[in-house]
Amino acid sequence: MKTTRTRIATLTTAIGLVLVAGAGPAAAAPGSSRAGDICLWSGRNYTGASWCWNPGNGYVDVPPALHDNVGSFQAHASGCFINWIQVPTRKETRVVRNGDYRRVYDNDFGGRIDAVAPRC
């Protein structure tokens, strides 16, 4: 019985450490983002699923939880939000500048974002 409890406690601790480590640098605390990043949240007011992008990452499709579902964002870098109308020939874009932010963006272009890139 004691061995089983010890194994369970060890397993629980290991899972907790993996979950904390899995948050990694791409996760952002609500309402904050690191210098050089553009961070997106699925909910308004920097809530919900989050993801941060850096211009050094180049063109990146947003994660599924944020595809056509960006409720808010903060930019500490410049970049471009992209909505693909017909890949690869037709797209709609929005320039994002360092210092831009929106607490409510799902009723605007946030409801159409497919990707982020260093420039439009």
C-alpha atoms as a PDB file:
ATOM      1  CA  MET A   1       0.000   0.000   0.000  1.00  0.00           C
ATOM      2  CA  LYS A   2       2.791   2.426   0.920  1.00  0.00           C
ATOM      3  CA  THR A   3       4.616   1.634  -2.345  1.00  0.00           C
ATOM      4  CA  THR A   4       1.467   2.380  -4.365  1.00  0.00           C
ATOM      5  CA  ARG A   5       1.014   5.737  -2.609  1.00  0.00           C
ATOM      6  CA  THR A   6       4.653   6.604  -3.237  1.00  0.00           C
ATOM      7  CA  ARG A   7       4.313   5.732  -6.931  1.00  0.00           C
ATOM      8  CA  ILE A   8       1.124   7.774  -7.237  1.00  0.00           C
ATOM      9  CA  ALA A   9       2.730  10.762  -5.505  1.00  0.00           C
ATOM     10  CA  THR A  10       5.801  10.510  -7.758  1.00  0.00           C
ATOM     11  CA  LEU A  11       3.656  10.199 -10.881  1.00  0.00           C
ATOM     12  CA  THR A  12       1.489  13.140  -9.845  1.00  0.00           C
ATOM     13  CA  THR A  13       4.572  15.291  -9.247  1.00  0.00           C
ATOM     14  CA  ALA A  14       6.070  14.283 -12.601  1.00  0.00           C
ATOM     15  CA  ILE A  15       2.848  15.113 -14.454  1.00  0.00           C
ATOM     16  CA  GLY A  16       2.690  18.496 -12.722  1.00  0.00           C
ATOM     17  CA  LEU A  17       6.248  19.295 -13.744  1.00  0.00           C
ATOM     18  CA  VAL A  18       5.559  18.297 -17.357  1.00  0.00           C
ATOM     19  CA  LEU A  19       2.465  20.504 -17.450  1.00  0.00           C
ATOM     20  CA  VAL A  20       4.365  23.494 -16.042  1.00  0.00           C
ATOM     21  CA  ALA A  21       7.319  22.950 -18.383  1.00  0.00           C
ATOM     22  CA  GLY A  22       4.927  22.459 -21.300  1.00  0.00           C
ATOM     23  CA  ALA A  23       3.646  26.002 -20.910  1.00  0.00           C
ATOM     24  CA  GLY A  24       6.963  27.109 -22.427  1.00  0.00           C
ATOM     25  CA  PRO A  25       7.823  30.545 -23.716  1.00  0.00           C
ATOM     26  CA  ALA A  26       4.876  30.714 -26.125  1.00  0.00           C
ATOM     27  CA  ALA A  27       2.310  30.901 -23.321  1.00  0.00           C
ATOM     28  CA  ALA A  28       1.449  34.383 -22.143  1.00  0.00           C
ATOM     29  CA  ALA A  29      -0.051  35.641 -18.943  1.00  0.00           C
ATOM     30  CA  PRO A  30      -3.319  37.518 -19.491  1.00  0.00           C
ATOM     31  CA  GLY A  31      -2.718  41.102 -20.502  1.00  0.00           C
ATOM     32  CA  SER A  32       1.029  40.739 -20.963  1.00  0.00           C
ATOM     33  CA  SER A  33       3.442  39.824 -23.684  1.00  0.00           C
ATOM     34  CA  ARG A  34       7.207  39.849 -23.982  1.00  0.00           C
ATOM     35  CA  ALA A  35       9.193  42.505 -25.807  1.00  0.00           C
ATOM     36  CA  GLY A  36       9.464  41.508 -29.456  1.00  0.00           C
ATOM     37  CA  ASP A  37       6.283  39.365 -29.477  1.00  0.00           C
ATOM     38  CA  ILE A  38       2.744  39.708 -30.739  1.00  0.00           C
ATOM     39  CA  CYS A  39       0.421  37.743 -28.448  1.00  0.00           C
ATOM     40  CA  LEU A  40      -3.097  36.625 -29.337  1.00  0.00           C
ATOM     41  CA  TRP A  41      -5.901  35.442 -27.026  1.00  0.00           C
ATOM     42  CA  SER A  42      -9.093  33.633 -27.976  1.00  0.00           C
ATOM     43  CA  GLY A  43     -11.143  35.676 -25.508  1.00  0.00           C
ATOM     44  CA  ARG A  44     -11.727  39.357 -25.053  1.00  0.00           C
ATOM     45  CA  ASN A  45      -9.633  41.234 -22.477  1.00  0.00           C
ATOM     46  CA  TYR A  46      -6.669  38.851 -22.858  1.00  0.00           C
ATOM     47  CA  THR A  47      -8.453  35.713 -21.677  1.00  0.00           C
ATOM     48  CA  GLY A  48      -8.774  32.198 -23.030  1.00  0.00           C
ATOM     49  CA  ALA A  49      -6.251  30.291 -25.120  1.00  0.00           C
ATOM     50  CA  SER A  50      -3.112  32.306 -25.839  1.00  0.00           C
ATOM     51  CA  TRP A  51      -0.209  32.146 -28.261  1.00  0.00           C
ATOM     52  CA  CYS A  52       2.733  34.456 -28.926  1.00  0.00           C
ATOM     53  CA  TRP A  53       4.534  34.982 -32.196  1.00  0.00           C
ATOM     54  CA  ASN A  54       7.877  36.641 -32.895  1.00  0.00           C
ATOM     55  CA  PRO A  55       8.961  38.146 -36.265  1.00  0.00           C
ATOM     56  CA  GLY A  56      11.977  35.823 -36.198  1.00  0.00           C
ATOM     57  CA  ASN A  57       9.522  32.915 -36.547  1.00  0.00           C
ATOM     58  CA  GLY A  58       8.613  34.073 -40.068  1.00  0.00           C
ATOM     59  CA  TYR A  59       5.209  33.225 -41.535  1.00  0.00           C
ATOM     60  CA  VAL A  60       3.170  31.010 -39.179  1.00  0.00           C
ATOM     61  CA  ASP A  61      -0.418  29.757 -39.330  1.00  0.00           C
ATOM     62  CA  VAL A  62      -2.119  30.511 -36.007  1.00  0.00           C
ATOM     63  CA  PRO A  63      -2.941  27.495 -33.803  1.00  0.00           C
ATOM     64  CA  PRO A  64      -6.388  25.903 -34.267  1.00  0.00           C
ATOM     65  CA  ALA A  65      -7.797  27.477 -31.065  1.00  0.00           C
ATOM     66  CA  LEU A  66      -7.118  30.947 -32.534  1.00  0.00           C
ATOM     67  CA  HIS A  67      -7.924  30.316 -36.201  1.00  0.00           C
ATOM     68  CA  ASP A  68     -10.669  32.845 -37.044  1.00  0.00           C
ATOM     69  CA  ASN A  69     -11.003  33.291 -33.281  1.00  0.00           C
ATOM     70  CA  VAL A  70      -8.783  36.082 -31.914  1.00  0.00           C
ATOM     71  CA  GLY A  71     -10.644  37.976 -29.192  1.00  0.00           C
ATOM     72  CA  SER A  72      -7.759  40.288 -28.194  1.00  0.00           C
ATOM     73  CA  PHE A  73      -4.075  40.940 -28.896  1.00  0.00           C
ATOM     74  CA  GLN A  74      -1.018  42.903 -27.743  1.00  0.00           C
ATOM     75  CA  ALA A  75       1.903  43.768 -30.026  1.00  0.00           C
ATOM     76  CA  HIS A  76       5.436  44.445 -28.847  1.00  0.00           C
ATOM     77  CA  ALA A  77       6.694  43.996 -32.406  1.00  0.00           C
ATOM     78  CA  SER A  78       5.491  44.832 -35.882  1.00  0.00           C
ATOM     79  CA  GLY A  79       3.934  42.229 -38.134  1.00  0.00           C
ATOM     80  CA  CYS A  80       0.989  41.356 -40.339  1.00  0.00           C
ATOM     81  CA  PHE A  81      -2.275  39.521 -39.645  1.00  0.00           C
ATOM     82  CA  ILE A  82      -3.449  37.482 -42.638  1.00  0.00           C
ATOM     83  CA  ASN A  83      -6.852  36.165 -43.679  1.00  0.00           C
ATOM     84  CA  TRP A  84      -6.581  33.734 -46.578  1.00  0.00           C
ATOM     85  CA  ILE A  85      -9.460  34.105 -49.019  1.00  0.00           C
ATOM     86  CA  GLN A  86      -7.959  31.729 -51.587  1.00  0.00           C
ATOM     87  CA  VAL A  87      -4.567  30.179 -50.834  1.00  0.00           C
ATOM     88  CA  PRO A  88      -2.066  31.197 -52.218  1.00  0.00           C
ATOM     89  CA  THR A  89      -3.433  33.933 -54.476  1.00  0.00           C
ATOM     90  CA  ARG A  90      -5.927  36.035 -52.493  1.00  0.00           C
ATOM     91  CA  LYS A  91      -5.495  37.331 -48.976  1.00  0.00           C
ATOM     92  CA  GLU A  92      -6.685  40.158 -46.782  1.00  0.00           C
ATOM     93  CA  THR A  93      -4.112  41.694 -44.430  1.00  0.00           C
ATOM     94  CA  ARG A  94      -3.805  44.045 -41.483  1.00  0.00           C
ATOM     95  CA  VAL A  95      -0.542  45.747 -40.555  1.00  0.00           C
ATOM     96  CA  VAL A  96       0.262  45.483 -36.835  1.00  0.00           C
ATOM     97  CA  ARG A  97       2.728  47.901 -35.273  1.00  0.00           C
ATOM     98  CA  ASN A  98       4.721  47.712 -32.075  1.00  0.00           C
ATOM     99  CA  GLY A  99       2.465  49.086 -29.325  1.00  0.00           C
ATOM    100  CA  ASP A 100      -0.839  48.142 -30.988  1.00  0.00           C
ATOM    101  CA  TYR A 101      -3.391  46.307 -28.868  1.00  0.00           C
ATOM    102  CA  ARG A 102      -7.086  45.525 -28.853  1.00  0.00           C
ATOM    103  CA  ARG A 103      -9.048  44.278 -25.855  1.00  0.00           C
ATOM    104  CA  VAL A 104     -11.951  43.405 -28.166  1.00  0.00           C
ATOM    105  CA  TYR A 105     -10.952  42.153 -31.616  1.00  0.00           C
ATOM    106  CA  ASP A 106     -13.304  39.246 -32.339  1.00  0.00           C
ATOM    107  CA  ASN A 107     -15.892  41.629 -33.797  1.00  0.00           C
ATOM    108  CA  ASP A 108     -13.275  42.921 -36.272  1.00  0.00           C
ATOM    109  CA  PHE A 109     -10.386  41.258 -38.126  1.00  0.00           C
ATOM    110  CA  GLY A 110      -9.799  38.902 -35.183  1.00  0.00           C
ATOM    111  CA  GLY A 111     -12.690  36.776 -36.421  1.00  0.00           C
ATOM    112  CA  ARG A 112     -10.806  36.153 -39.688  1.00  0.00           C
ATOM    113  CA  ILE A 113      -7.113  35.725 -38.769  1.00  0.00           C
ATOM    114  CA  ASP A 114      -5.464  32.652 -40.274  1.00  0.00           C
ATOM    115  CA  ALA A 115      -1.765  33.522 -40.018  1.00  0.00           C
ATOM    116  CA  VAL A 116       0.857  36.010 -38.843  1.00  0.00           C
ATOM    117  CA  ALA A 117       3.900  37.166 -40.831  1.00  0.00           C
ATOM    118  CA  PRO A 118       6.723  39.720 -40.434  1.00  0.00           C
ATOM    119  CA  ARG A 119       5.256  41.916 -43.197  1.00  0.00           C
ATOM    120  CA  CYS A 120       2.234  42.129 -45.430  1.00  0.00           C
END
